[in-house]
């Protein structure tokens, strides 16, 4: 695959990609939607599926995290819905230096600032659920996500991809895992990055996030009616990837 570049700007959604669309042979780009709660394995699995099918990988959650991070950097209170919405509407996103679908979201740049490491800061963890619940923020980012999907075949990850962002996706997967399993995964991620981590705090924060995401008024976390449910508890990421690829093959995706 060539080094596809995708840029979403404030004034107009712009997508620049290579010639391949990963589509269905009729000019319509192929879209696979993968939804689920935090640490259910979405990102790891979607990266591998995208690489196997030569599609773009886009983790929409990174965009909400980037907006949250930018608000904190600029001294904007994440609880100020109007101010954060203005920030999201005017923000420019870029995902430079990829070269492969598996790395499309590394790094993520917002308003010219590299937010890659910052999107995983504890302060962002604490505020991102509120920021992602704001209707204006969601509307601004969904427009950009849909523009990307119109330009190129994509495996898109989030919490409302199958229900709101890409309701026409050819394959929709809803990944779940027990809260204990998901907390262990997030704990291991932080330890691997050399960060201080407390399992019980992570587990409690994850339960709170689940509740907020499921109860929010706009685009709540829920599976699409035609999504395939897949429980990843106790499964390796390779096993989950193989199951999804088998589904894709069986549906001629």
Protein backbone atom coordinates (compact mmCIF):
# COMPACT_ATOMS: atom_id res chain seq x y z
CA UNK A 1 0.00 0.00 0.00
CA UNK A 2 1.25 3.49 -0.67
CA UNK A 3 1.53 6.11 2.06
CA UNK A 4 -2.07 7.28 2.06
CA UNK A 5 -2.58 10.62 3.76
CA UNK A 6 -5.83 11.65 5.35
CA UNK A 7 -6.52 15.15 6.56
CA UNK A 8 -9.71 16.57 8.04
CA UNK A 9 -9.72 20.35 8.32
CA UNK A 10 -12.04 22.89 9.87
CA UNK A 11 -13.12 24.63 6.70
CA UNK A 12 -13.78 21.55 4.59
CA UNK A 13 -13.39 17.84 5.03
CA UNK A 14 -10.54 16.81 2.79
CA UNK A 15 -9.36 13.26 2.23
CA UNK A 16 -6.32 12.35 0.19
CA UNK A 17 -5.69 8.67 -0.46
CA UNK A 18 -4.07 6.29 -2.89
CA UNK A 19 -5.87 4.91 -5.90
CA UNK A 20 -7.24 1.79 -4.18
CA UNK A 21 -10.67 2.17 -2.62
CA UNK A 22 -11.07 -1.26 -1.12
CA UNK A 23 -14.63 -1.10 -2.40
CA UNK A 24 -17.16 -3.51 -3.80
CA UNK A 25 -16.21 -3.18 -7.45
CA UNK A 26 -19.02 -0.68 -8.09
CA UNK A 27 -17.22 2.47 -6.91
CA UNK A 28 -18.53 2.27 -3.36
CA UNK A 29 -15.76 2.03 -0.75
CA UNK A 30 -15.98 -0.93 1.60
CA UNK A 31 -16.72 -0.10 5.25
CA UNK A 32 -16.41 -2.40 8.25
CA UNK A 33 -17.69 -1.02 11.56
CA UNK A 34 -16.30 -2.28 14.86
CA UNK A 35 -17.92 -1.01 18.06
CA UNK A 36 -17.68 -1.89 21.72
CA UNK A 37 -16.76 -0.60 25.18
CA UNK A 38 -13.28 0.51 26.25
CA UNK A 39 -10.54 -2.17 26.09
CA UNK A 40 -12.78 -4.74 24.43
CA UNK A 41 -9.99 -5.23 21.88
CA UNK A 42 -11.38 -3.01 19.13
CA UNK A 43 -8.23 -1.16 18.13
CA UNK A 44 -5.84 -4.12 18.13
CA UNK A 45 -8.27 -6.26 16.17
CA UNK A 46 -9.29 -3.54 13.71
CA UNK A 47 -5.68 -2.70 12.86
CA UNK A 48 -5.02 -6.33 11.95
CA UNK A 49 -8.25 -6.69 9.96
CA UNK A 50 -7.48 -3.49 8.06
CA UNK A 51 -3.98 -4.69 7.23
CA UNK A 52 -5.25 -8.10 6.10
CA UNK A 53 -7.86 -6.55 3.79
CA UNK A 54 -5.70 -3.61 2.68
CA UNK A 55 -8.14 -1.08 4.12
CA UNK A 56 -7.70 2.14 6.04
CA UNK A 57 -7.85 1.86 9.84
CA UNK A 58 -9.44 4.72 11.77
CA UNK A 59 -9.98 4.77 15.53
CA UNK A 60 -12.59 7.49 15.98
CA UNK A 61 -12.06 7.46 19.74
CA UNK A 62 -8.61 8.96 19.17
CA UNK A 63 -10.30 12.00 17.63
CA UNK A 64 -12.47 12.56 20.71
CA UNK A 65 -9.43 12.07 22.91
CA UNK A 66 -7.49 14.58 20.83
CA UNK A 67 -10.23 17.19 21.27
CA UNK A 68 -10.24 16.53 25.02
CA UNK A 69 -6.45 16.82 25.15
CA UNK A 70 -6.52 20.06 23.14
CA UNK A 71 -9.11 21.55 25.49
CA UNK A 72 -6.90 20.78 28.47
CA UNK A 73 -3.85 22.21 26.70
CA UNK A 74 -5.69 25.43 25.92
CA UNK A 75 -7.16 25.81 29.40
CA UNK A 76 -10.70 25.08 28.22
CA UNK A 77 -12.80 23.40 30.90
CA UNK A 78 -13.93 20.01 29.49
CA UNK A 79 -17.22 20.56 31.35
CA UNK A 80 -17.91 23.69 29.27
CA UNK A 81 -19.92 22.12 26.46
CA UNK A 82 -20.21 25.27 24.34
CA UNK A 83 -16.49 26.04 24.50
CA UNK A 84 -15.43 22.46 23.75
CA UNK A 85 -17.89 22.30 20.86
CA UNK A 86 -16.41 25.46 19.34
CA UNK A 87 -12.97 23.93 19.72
CA UNK A 88 -14.05 20.72 17.95
CA UNK A 89 -15.77 22.58 15.12
CA UNK A 90 -12.67 24.62 14.40
CA UNK A 91 -10.01 21.95 14.94
CA UNK A 92 -7.89 20.59 12.11
CA UNK A 93 -6.97 16.89 12.25
CA UNK A 94 -4.16 15.09 10.50
CA UNK A 95 -2.80 11.55 10.65
CA UNK A 96 0.65 11.95 9.05
CA UNK A 97 3.45 9.53 8.31
CA UNK A 98 1.54 6.29 8.11
CA UNK A 99 2.52 4.26 5.06
CA UNK A 100 0.47 1.24 6.21
CA UNK A 101 -3.16 0.82 7.25
CA UNK A 102 -2.03 -0.65 10.57
CA UNK A 103 -0.48 2.65 11.57
CA UNK A 104 -3.01 5.14 10.23
CA UNK A 105 -3.67 6.69 13.65
CA UNK A 106 -0.05 6.94 14.72
CA UNK A 107 0.49 9.79 15.25
CA UNK A 108 -2.60 11.98 15.55
CA UNK A 109 -2.13 15.71 15.14
CA UNK A 110 -4.70 18.34 16.07
CA UNK A 111 -4.26 22.02 15.24
CA UNK A 112 -0.65 21.27 14.38
CA UNK A 113 0.10 19.71 17.78
CA UNK A 114 1.13 16.07 18.18
CA UNK A 115 -1.47 14.61 20.54
CA UNK A 116 -0.40 10.97 20.17
CA UNK A 117 0.95 10.48 23.69
CA UNK A 118 -1.37 13.02 25.26
CA UNK A 119 -4.54 11.20 24.23
CA UNK A 120 -3.76 8.48 26.81
CA UNK A 121 -3.06 10.80 29.75
CA UNK A 122 -5.13 10.12 32.91
CA UNK A 123 -6.65 13.62 32.71
CA UNK A 124 -7.95 12.79 29.23
CA UNK A 125 -9.29 9.44 30.47
CA UNK A 126 -11.23 11.30 33.14
CA UNK A 127 -12.80 13.85 30.79
CA UNK A 128 -13.21 12.18 27.40
CA UNK A 129 -16.56 10.53 28.15
CA UNK A 130 -18.14 13.90 28.93
CA UNK A 131 -16.57 15.54 25.87
CA UNK A 132 -17.70 12.72 23.58
CA UNK A 133 -21.27 13.07 24.87
CA UNK A 134 -21.64 16.63 23.54
CA UNK A 135 -23.94 16.72 20.54
CA UNK A 136 -22.02 19.49 18.78
CA UNK A 137 -18.69 17.72 19.23
CA UNK A 138 -20.10 14.47 17.89
CA UNK A 139 -21.69 16.20 14.90
CA UNK A 140 -18.42 17.90 13.98
CA UNK A 141 -16.34 14.73 14.20
CA UNK A 142 -18.90 12.45 12.56
CA UNK A 143 -18.89 14.70 9.48
CA UNK A 144 -15.13 14.23 9.18
CA UNK A 145 -15.28 10.50 9.79
CA UNK A 146 -17.94 10.04 7.11
CA UNK A 147 -15.89 12.09 4.63
CA UNK A 148 -12.93 9.77 5.18
CA UNK A 149 -15.10 6.67 4.65
CA UNK A 150 -16.55 8.09 1.42
CA UNK A 151 -13.06 8.41 -0.03
CA UNK A 152 -11.51 5.07 0.89
CA UNK A 153 -12.35 1.58 2.12
CA UNK A 154 -12.07 1.63 5.90
CA UNK A 155 -12.22 -0.39 9.09
CA UNK A 156 -13.59 2.16 11.54
CA UNK A 157 -13.61 1.72 15.31
CA UNK A 158 -15.66 3.47 17.96
CA UNK A 159 -18.84 3.32 19.99
CA UNK A 160 -21.44 4.45 17.45
CA UNK A 161 -19.95 3.47 14.10
CA UNK A 162 -22.58 0.90 13.13
CA UNK A 163 -25.48 2.93 14.48
CA UNK A 164 -24.61 6.54 13.55
CA UNK A 165 -21.37 7.08 11.64
CA UNK A 166 -21.58 4.24 9.08
CA UNK A 167 -25.05 2.68 9.35
CA UNK A 168 -24.61 1.25 5.85
CA UNK A 169 -21.38 -0.60 6.65
CA UNK A 170 -21.16 -3.97 4.89
CA UNK A 171 -20.05 -5.74 8.10
CA UNK A 172 -20.75 -4.61 11.66
CA UNK A 173 -19.04 -6.16 14.67
CA UNK A 174 -19.84 -5.46 18.32
CA UNK A 175 -16.98 -6.58 20.55
CA UNK A 176 -17.50 -7.17 24.27
CA UNK A 177 -15.43 -8.54 27.16
CA UNK A 178 -15.87 -8.77 30.92
CA UNK A 179 -14.97 -5.65 32.89
CA UNK A 180 -12.25 -7.61 34.70
CA UNK A 181 -10.68 -8.66 31.41
CA UNK A 182 -10.85 -5.13 30.02
CA UNK A 183 -9.34 -3.62 33.17
CA UNK A 184 -6.48 -6.11 33.04
CA UNK A 185 -5.80 -5.14 29.44
CA UNK A 186 -5.74 -1.41 30.20
CA UNK A 187 -3.56 -2.02 33.25
CA UNK A 188 -1.08 -4.02 31.16
CA UNK A 189 -1.01 -1.28 28.50
CA UNK A 190 -0.06 1.36 31.05
CA UNK A 191 2.56 -0.80 32.71
CA UNK A 192 4.07 -1.56 29.29
CA UNK A 193 4.34 2.18 28.65
CA UNK A 194 6.14 2.64 31.98
CA UNK A 195 3.23 4.52 33.55
CA UNK A 196 1.98 4.21 37.11
CA UNK A 197 -1.14 2.04 37.17
CA UNK A 198 -3.62 0.83 39.78
CA UNK A 199 -5.83 -2.05 38.67
CA UNK A 200 -8.74 -1.25 41.01
CA UNK A 201 -8.78 2.40 39.98
CA UNK A 202 -8.72 1.42 36.32
CA UNK A 203 -11.55 -1.06 36.84
CA UNK A 204 -13.71 1.49 38.68
CA UNK A 205 -13.06 4.14 36.02
CA UNK A 206 -13.98 1.66 33.31
CA UNK A 207 -17.29 0.84 34.98
CA UNK A 208 -18.07 4.56 35.24
CA UNK A 209 -17.18 5.05 31.58
CA UNK A 210 -19.41 2.14 30.55
CA UNK A 211 -22.32 3.69 32.41
CA UNK A 212 -21.79 7.16 30.96
CA UNK A 213 -21.33 5.89 27.41
CA UNK A 214 -24.44 3.71 27.55
CA UNK A 215 -26.65 6.38 29.15
CA UNK A 216 -25.65 9.46 27.16
CA UNK A 217 -28.42 11.15 25.22
CA UNK A 218 -26.55 11.44 21.92
CA UNK A 219 -25.22 8.34 20.13
CA UNK A 220 -25.13 6.05 23.17
CA UNK A 221 -22.99 2.93 23.21
CA UNK A 222 -25.17 0.15 21.85
CA UNK A 223 -24.89 -2.46 19.12
CA UNK A 224 -26.52 -1.95 15.75
CA UNK A 225 -29.50 -4.23 15.19
CA UNK A 226 -27.59 -6.08 12.47
CA UNK A 227 -24.23 -6.24 14.27
CA UNK A 228 -22.52 -9.53 15.05
CA UNK A 229 -21.75 -9.82 18.78
CA UNK A 230 -18.33 -11.25 19.60
CA UNK A 231 -17.13 -11.79 23.19
CA UNK A 232 -13.35 -11.47 23.33
CA UNK A 233 -12.97 -12.59 26.96
CA UNK A 234 -10.23 -15.21 27.07
CA UNK A 235 -9.56 -14.98 23.33
CA UNK A 236 -6.28 -13.90 21.79
CA UNK A 237 -6.38 -10.99 19.38
CA UNK A 238 -5.29 -13.35 16.59
CA UNK A 239 -8.29 -15.59 17.27
CA UNK A 240 -10.68 -12.63 17.15
CA UNK A 241 -9.12 -11.37 13.92
CA UNK A 242 -9.52 -14.78 12.29
CA UNK A 243 -13.21 -14.91 13.26
CA UNK A 244 -13.85 -11.49 11.77
CA UNK A 245 -11.97 -12.31 8.58
CA UNK A 246 -13.99 -15.52 8.29
CA UNK A 247 -17.20 -13.45 8.58
CA UNK A 248 -15.91 -11.08 5.93
CA UNK A 249 -15.16 -13.97 3.58
CA UNK A 250 -18.52 -15.63 4.18
CA UNK A 251 -20.28 -12.36 3.31
CA UNK A 252 -18.03 -11.82 0.28
CA UNK A 253 -16.71 -8.63 1.83
